[in-house]
């Protein structure tokens, strides 16, 4: 019996290791390619490990375009948009979960239905609207809509709030708390795990967004990192080592965010004691 259990564990771990290496291979290729010389980029068969590491590729790629300004723009969009998504989605979710009003369920179904509409379908109407407001070639189209909530995040938060006992509301109202105080002092602390989760999703989405900045931004000084990365593709060729170097640098913050937030999400869920 023990032998069979060991064989099963070995097989499972072997499968997990295999797929882990399979998914890590592109990341490893990106890192090694960013350190290669131009002569080694197009060798066949390709060399996984460069003969010498050219760390200057990172500096040359960074200064080849105003990536410092691109970084500032990306940070501005990511931080403000994420903050807007958390605040607005939490408020709307609290309203759907704890307030009873006519048409509530119908409005919630309409909200969920909007998730089936691709962003590409609304792209032209949004462009016309933002052009009318004079927001084209500014960061506002990438930030302001986030302050009106997102259907998926609202759904996640609503489901989380509905798992919190309503007795907490009743006890707080007996103590004289109003609806906003209940939301701020009771629900927000309990919602910490889902707030972190939504924050991670929103940050990753904003940080990696390419189509939005491509549509709404014209001036290079307003570009984000993803648009700056596209500048390495020229009319007569592609700066492959530059693309890989900047791609690796851009990938570092999401990786750090994911591994840091993963621990907090698990810990906060176990400590909150809230069951759905």
Foldseek 3Di string as FASTA:
>chain_A
DVVVVVVVVVVVVVVVVVVVCVVCVVVLQLVQLLQEDPVQNPDPVHDSHHPGGRPCSLVCLCVVAVQVLQAVLLVVLLVQLLVLQLVQLLVLLLCLQPPDDPCSVVVLVVLVVVVPDDPVVCLVVLQVVCVVVVCFQHCCVSRVVSNNYHSVLSVVNNVQVNLADCVLVVVVVVVPDDPVCCCVVPVVLLCVLSSLVSSLVSSVCSLQDDPVCVSRHDDSSNHHLNVSLVVQQDPVGGPSSSSSSSVSVSVVVSVVSVVVSVVVNVVSVVPSPGDD
